[in-house]
């Protein structure tokens, strides 16, 4: 749990808030290479970016990234190291309300000729940011069918 006693806010929540605003404004720039860099950047593989994909780590994950199903199939098990083909560890910030963030699960793009590394799924989940101890930002990219 992220115990905040100094009143400065949840740092992960603040970074997710920045990512959410950037994705809403989807601008291109390639300056600092950190999670809270001021604009979404275009890389050599894309001209316009609309997503800053993230990986999430909970305080009790022992270094294993959070994983969720890529479909709404309730029988898919994505816990622990039993992660299968129907699970992903890559997400897009969709909504931020207070200390809760809604993420869209991104899946690897099956089209190997595509310049876009991920596709959007219809699988979403909401997480209390107090449960997060670490986020890892991946390269900005374009994800079709979002925004």
C-alpha atoms as a PDB file:
ATOM      1  CA  UNK A   1       0.000   0.000   0.000  1.00  0.00           C
ATOM      2  CA  UNK A   2       1.225   3.489  -0.763  1.00  0.00           C
ATOM      3  CA  UNK A   3       1.042   5.182   2.649  1.00  0.00           C
ATOM      4  CA  UNK A   4       1.215   8.913   2.065  1.00  0.00           C
ATOM      5  CA  UNK A   5       1.553  10.873   5.269  1.00  0.00           C
ATOM      6  CA  UNK A   6       3.102  14.110   4.009  1.00  0.00           C
ATOM      7  CA  UNK A   7       0.075  15.269   1.982  1.00  0.00           C
ATOM      8  CA  UNK A   8       2.061  15.609  -1.264  1.00  0.00           C
ATOM      9  CA  UNK A   9      -0.172  13.208  -3.216  1.00  0.00           C
ATOM     10  CA  UNK A  10       0.348   9.851  -4.830  1.00  0.00           C
ATOM     11  CA  UNK A  11       3.289  10.119  -7.237  1.00  0.00           C
ATOM     12  CA  UNK A  12       2.013   7.313  -9.466  1.00  0.00           C
ATOM     13  CA  UNK A  13      -1.434   8.896  -9.604  1.00  0.00           C
ATOM     14  CA  UNK A  14       0.166  12.213 -10.590  1.00  0.00           C
ATOM     15  CA  UNK A  15       2.165  10.577 -13.412  1.00  0.00           C
ATOM     16  CA  UNK A  16      -0.921   8.718 -14.660  1.00  0.00           C
ATOM     17  CA  UNK A  17      -2.750  12.050 -14.668  1.00  0.00           C
ATOM     18  CA  UNK A  18      -0.036  13.571 -16.876  1.00  0.00           C
ATOM     19  CA  UNK A  19      -0.188  10.586 -19.242  1.00  0.00           C
ATOM     20  CA  UNK A  20      -3.982  10.860 -19.440  1.00  0.00           C
ATOM     21  CA  UNK A  21      -3.833  14.580 -20.363  1.00  0.00           C
ATOM     22  CA  UNK A  22      -1.102  13.958 -22.954  1.00  0.00           C
ATOM     23  CA  UNK A  23      -3.096  11.213 -24.607  1.00  0.00           C
ATOM     24  CA  UNK A  24      -6.150  13.453 -24.683  1.00  0.00           C
ATOM     25  CA  UNK A  25      -4.101  16.134 -26.476  1.00  0.00           C
ATOM     26  CA  UNK A  26      -1.947  13.683 -28.540  1.00  0.00           C
ATOM     27  CA  UNK A  27       0.906  15.937 -29.653  1.00  0.00           C
ATOM     28  CA  UNK A  28       4.185  14.889 -31.226  1.00  0.00           C
ATOM     29  CA  UNK A  29       7.587  15.649 -29.760  1.00  0.00           C
ATOM     30  CA  UNK A  30      10.551  13.557 -28.724  1.00  0.00           C
ATOM     31  CA  UNK A  31      12.205  15.295 -25.807  1.00  0.00           C
ATOM     32  CA  UNK A  32      12.938  13.704 -22.418  1.00  0.00           C
ATOM     33  CA  UNK A  33      12.530   9.963 -22.222  1.00  0.00           C
ATOM     34  CA  UNK A  34      10.584   9.677 -18.953  1.00  0.00           C
ATOM     35  CA  UNK A  35       6.999   8.809 -18.049  1.00  0.00           C
ATOM     36  CA  UNK A  36       6.027  12.429 -17.456  1.00  0.00           C
ATOM     37  CA  UNK A  37       7.807  14.023 -20.449  1.00  0.00           C
ATOM     38  CA  UNK A  38       5.738  16.960 -21.636  1.00  0.00           C
ATOM     39  CA  UNK A  39       4.420  15.599 -24.975  1.00  0.00           C
ATOM     40  CA  UNK A  40       3.766  12.296 -26.658  1.00  0.00           C
ATOM     41  CA  UNK A  41       6.621  11.658 -29.034  1.00  0.00           C
ATOM     42  CA  UNK A  42       6.770  10.200 -32.484  1.00  0.00           C
ATOM     43  CA  UNK A  43       9.467   7.626 -32.946  1.00  0.00           C
ATOM     44  CA  UNK A  44      11.115   6.320 -36.067  1.00  0.00           C
ATOM     45  CA  UNK A  45       8.233   3.853 -36.439  1.00  0.00           C
ATOM     46  CA  UNK A  46       5.301   6.240 -36.172  1.00  0.00           C
ATOM     47  CA  UNK A  47       4.341   9.722 -37.252  1.00  0.00           C
ATOM     48  CA  UNK A  48       1.599  10.468 -34.737  1.00  0.00           C
ATOM     49  CA  UNK A  49       1.322   9.019 -31.256  1.00  0.00           C
ATOM     50  CA  UNK A  50      -1.853   8.844 -29.192  1.00  0.00           C
ATOM     51  CA  UNK A  51      -0.790   6.448 -26.435  1.00  0.00           C
ATOM     52  CA  UNK A  52       1.914   6.155 -23.808  1.00  0.00           C
ATOM     53  CA  UNK A  53       1.659   2.445 -22.924  1.00  0.00           C
ATOM     54  CA  UNK A  54       2.465   1.493 -19.353  1.00  0.00           C
ATOM     55  CA  UNK A  55       3.215  -1.606 -17.360  1.00  0.00           C
ATOM     56  CA  UNK A  56       2.028  -1.707 -13.753  1.00  0.00           C
ATOM     57  CA  UNK A  57       3.570  -3.281 -10.677  1.00  0.00           C
ATOM     58  CA  UNK A  58       1.706  -3.738  -7.405  1.00  0.00           C
ATOM     59  CA  UNK A  59       3.421  -3.554  -4.032  1.00  0.00           C
ATOM     60  CA  UNK A  60       3.092  -7.321  -3.561  1.00  0.00           C
ATOM     61  CA  UNK A  61       4.018  -8.402  -7.110  1.00  0.00           C
ATOM     62  CA  UNK A  62       7.656  -9.354  -6.410  1.00  0.00           C
ATOM     63  CA  UNK A  63       8.713  -7.743  -9.692  1.00  0.00           C
ATOM     64  CA  UNK A  64       6.077  -9.473 -11.819  1.00  0.00           C
ATOM     65  CA  UNK A  65       4.053  -6.997 -13.925  1.00  0.00           C
ATOM     66  CA  UNK A  66       0.292  -6.785 -13.414  1.00  0.00           C
ATOM     67  CA  UNK A  67      -1.539  -8.820 -16.042  1.00  0.00           C
ATOM     68  CA  UNK A  68      -5.127  -8.708 -17.254  1.00  0.00           C
ATOM     69  CA  UNK A  69      -7.171 -10.620 -19.855  1.00  0.00           C
ATOM     70  CA  UNK A  70      -7.321  -9.233 -23.389  1.00  0.00           C
ATOM     71  CA  UNK A  71     -10.978 -10.276 -23.610  1.00  0.00           C
ATOM     72  CA  UNK A  72     -13.969 -10.103 -21.292  1.00  0.00           C
ATOM     73  CA  UNK A  73     -13.900 -13.885 -20.948  1.00  0.00           C
ATOM     74  CA  UNK A  74     -14.230 -14.547 -17.210  1.00  0.00           C
ATOM     75  CA  UNK A  75     -12.433 -17.897 -17.414  1.00  0.00           C
ATOM     76  CA  UNK A  76      -9.098 -16.379 -18.468  1.00  0.00           C
ATOM     77  CA  UNK A  77      -6.510 -16.676 -15.680  1.00  0.00           C
ATOM     78  CA  UNK A  78      -3.785 -14.035 -15.745  1.00  0.00           C
ATOM     79  CA  UNK A  79      -2.457 -14.439 -12.218  1.00  0.00           C
ATOM     80  CA  UNK A  80       1.141 -15.089 -11.283  1.00  0.00           C
ATOM     81  CA  UNK A  81       3.380 -16.765 -13.792  1.00  0.00           C
ATOM     82  CA  UNK A  82       0.514 -18.632 -15.484  1.00  0.00           C
ATOM     83  CA  UNK A  83       0.146 -15.823 -18.001  1.00  0.00           C
ATOM     84  CA  UNK A  84      -1.138 -17.161 -21.303  1.00  0.00           C
ATOM     85  CA  UNK A  85      -1.778 -15.857 -24.793  1.00  0.00           C
ATOM     86  CA  UNK A  86      -5.031 -14.189 -23.728  1.00  0.00           C
ATOM     87  CA  UNK A  87      -3.329 -11.914 -21.180  1.00  0.00           C
ATOM     88  CA  UNK A  88      -1.341  -8.722 -21.443  1.00  0.00           C
ATOM     89  CA  UNK A  89       0.883  -6.635 -19.196  1.00  0.00           C
ATOM     90  CA  UNK A  90       0.571  -3.483 -21.333  1.00  0.00           C
ATOM     91  CA  UNK A  91      -2.131  -0.892 -20.693  1.00  0.00           C
ATOM     92  CA  UNK A  92      -3.407   2.519 -21.790  1.00  0.00           C
ATOM     93  CA  UNK A  93      -4.725   5.126 -19.345  1.00  0.00           C
ATOM     94  CA  UNK A  94      -8.383   5.723 -20.262  1.00  0.00           C
ATOM     95  CA  UNK A  95      -9.794   7.658 -17.302  1.00  0.00           C
ATOM     96  CA  UNK A  96      -8.577   9.092 -14.026  1.00  0.00           C
ATOM     97  CA  UNK A  97     -10.918   9.980 -11.181  1.00  0.00           C
ATOM     98  CA  UNK A  98      -9.385  10.857  -7.848  1.00  0.00           C
ATOM     99  CA  UNK A  99      -7.097   8.016  -6.862  1.00  0.00           C
ATOM    100  CA  UNK A 100      -8.665   5.498  -9.272  1.00  0.00           C
ATOM    101  CA  UNK A 101      -7.497   4.930 -12.819  1.00  0.00           C
ATOM    102  CA  UNK A 102      -9.275   3.014 -15.576  1.00  0.00           C
ATOM    103  CA  UNK A 103      -6.944   1.220 -17.965  1.00  0.00           C
ATOM    104  CA  UNK A 104      -7.549  -0.390 -21.355  1.00  0.00           C
ATOM    105  CA  UNK A 105      -5.706  -3.649 -21.940  1.00  0.00           C
ATOM    106  CA  UNK A 106      -3.503  -3.489 -25.035  1.00  0.00           C
ATOM    107  CA  UNK A 107      -2.585  -6.616 -26.965  1.00  0.00           C
ATOM    108  CA  UNK A 108       0.390  -7.261 -29.220  1.00  0.00           C
ATOM    109  CA  UNK A 109      -0.482  -6.417 -32.800  1.00  0.00           C
ATOM    110  CA  UNK A 110      -0.811  -9.721 -34.712  1.00  0.00           C
ATOM    111  CA  UNK A 111      -0.001  -7.915 -37.991  1.00  0.00           C
ATOM    112  CA  UNK A 112       3.774  -8.231 -38.098  1.00  0.00           C
ATOM    113  CA  UNK A 113       3.964  -5.777 -41.019  1.00  0.00           C
ATOM    114  CA  UNK A 114       2.265  -3.007 -39.018  1.00  0.00           C
ATOM    115  CA  UNK A 115       4.277  -0.155 -37.565  1.00  0.00           C
ATOM    116  CA  UNK A 116       1.889  -0.054 -34.598  1.00  0.00           C
ATOM    117  CA  UNK A 117       3.024  -2.434 -31.827  1.00  0.00           C
ATOM    118  CA  UNK A 118      -0.331  -2.755 -29.992  1.00  0.00           C
ATOM    119  CA  UNK A 119      -4.026  -3.035 -30.684  1.00  0.00           C
ATOM    120  CA  UNK A 120      -6.823  -1.854 -28.409  1.00  0.00           C
ATOM    121  CA  UNK A 121      -9.011  -4.468 -26.744  1.00  0.00           C
ATOM    122  CA  UNK A 122     -12.472  -4.075 -25.240  1.00  0.00           C
ATOM    123  CA  UNK A 123     -11.095  -5.221 -21.876  1.00  0.00           C
ATOM    124  CA  UNK A 124     -10.911  -2.456 -19.271  1.00  0.00           C
ATOM    125  CA  UNK A 125     -10.287  -2.418 -15.531  1.00  0.00           C
ATOM    126  CA  UNK A 126     -10.143   0.184 -12.777  1.00  0.00           C
ATOM    127  CA  UNK A 127      -7.394   0.161 -10.176  1.00  0.00           C
ATOM    128  CA  UNK A 128      -6.861   2.083  -6.962  1.00  0.00           C
ATOM    129  CA  UNK A 129      -3.509   3.829  -7.444  1.00  0.00           C
ATOM    130  CA  UNK A 130      -2.645   3.147  -3.792  1.00  0.00           C
ATOM    131  CA  UNK A 131      -2.138  -0.476  -4.877  1.00  0.00           C
ATOM    132  CA  UNK A 132       0.615   0.518  -7.330  1.00  0.00           C
ATOM    133  CA  UNK A 133       4.243   0.890  -6.339  1.00  0.00           C
ATOM    134  CA  UNK A 134       5.785   1.217  -9.802  1.00  0.00           C
ATOM    135  CA  UNK A 135       4.891   1.974 -13.403  1.00  0.00           C
ATOM    136  CA  UNK A 136       7.051   1.420 -16.444  1.00  0.00           C
ATOM    137  CA  UNK A 137       6.422   3.567 -19.490  1.00  0.00           C
ATOM    138  CA  UNK A 138       7.004   2.055 -22.903  1.00  0.00           C
ATOM    139  CA  UNK A 139       7.660   3.920 -26.157  1.00  0.00           C
ATOM    140  CA  UNK A 140       4.873   6.238 -27.247  1.00  0.00           C
ATOM    141  CA  UNK A 141       2.901   4.773 -30.114  1.00  0.00           C
ATOM    142  CA  UNK A 142      -0.270   4.950 -32.146  1.00  0.00           C
ATOM    143  CA  UNK A 143      -3.125   2.629 -31.156  1.00  0.00           C
ATOM    144  CA  UNK A 144      -6.043   2.444 -33.580  1.00  0.00           C
ATOM    145  CA  UNK A 145      -9.625   2.858 -32.298  1.00  0.00           C
ATOM    146  CA  UNK A 146      -8.862   4.902 -29.171  1.00  0.00           C
ATOM    147  CA  UNK A 147      -9.591   8.546 -28.309  1.00  0.00           C
END
